[in-house]
Amino acid sequence: MMKAIEVMGTVDKKSQLHIDEPLPIVGPNRVRVVVLFYEEMDKEEREWLRAAAANPAFEFLKDQTEDIYKLTDGKPFHDER
């Protein structure tokens, strides 16, 4: 059975992964690593987003009556690791 944990880290100029904190794993032990990262948008995707943002079909979202949520709505989420 595999267990998953989430940690943040940095990939350096040599493409080596450095995690920000020690892992809660007794070693030596083999692990499976899945890396999620933000890719920079390509030119075509940026153009699509710009066109969608300028589309008059979404003009109604600028109407004050569409803004139905306030900063005080909901409850804060605090991740307790």
Foldseek 3Di string as FASTA:
>chain_A
DDDDDDFDWDQDPVRDTDTDDDDPDDDDDDDDDDDDDDDDDDPVVVVVVVCVVPDCVCVVCVDPVVPPDDPPPDDDDDDDD
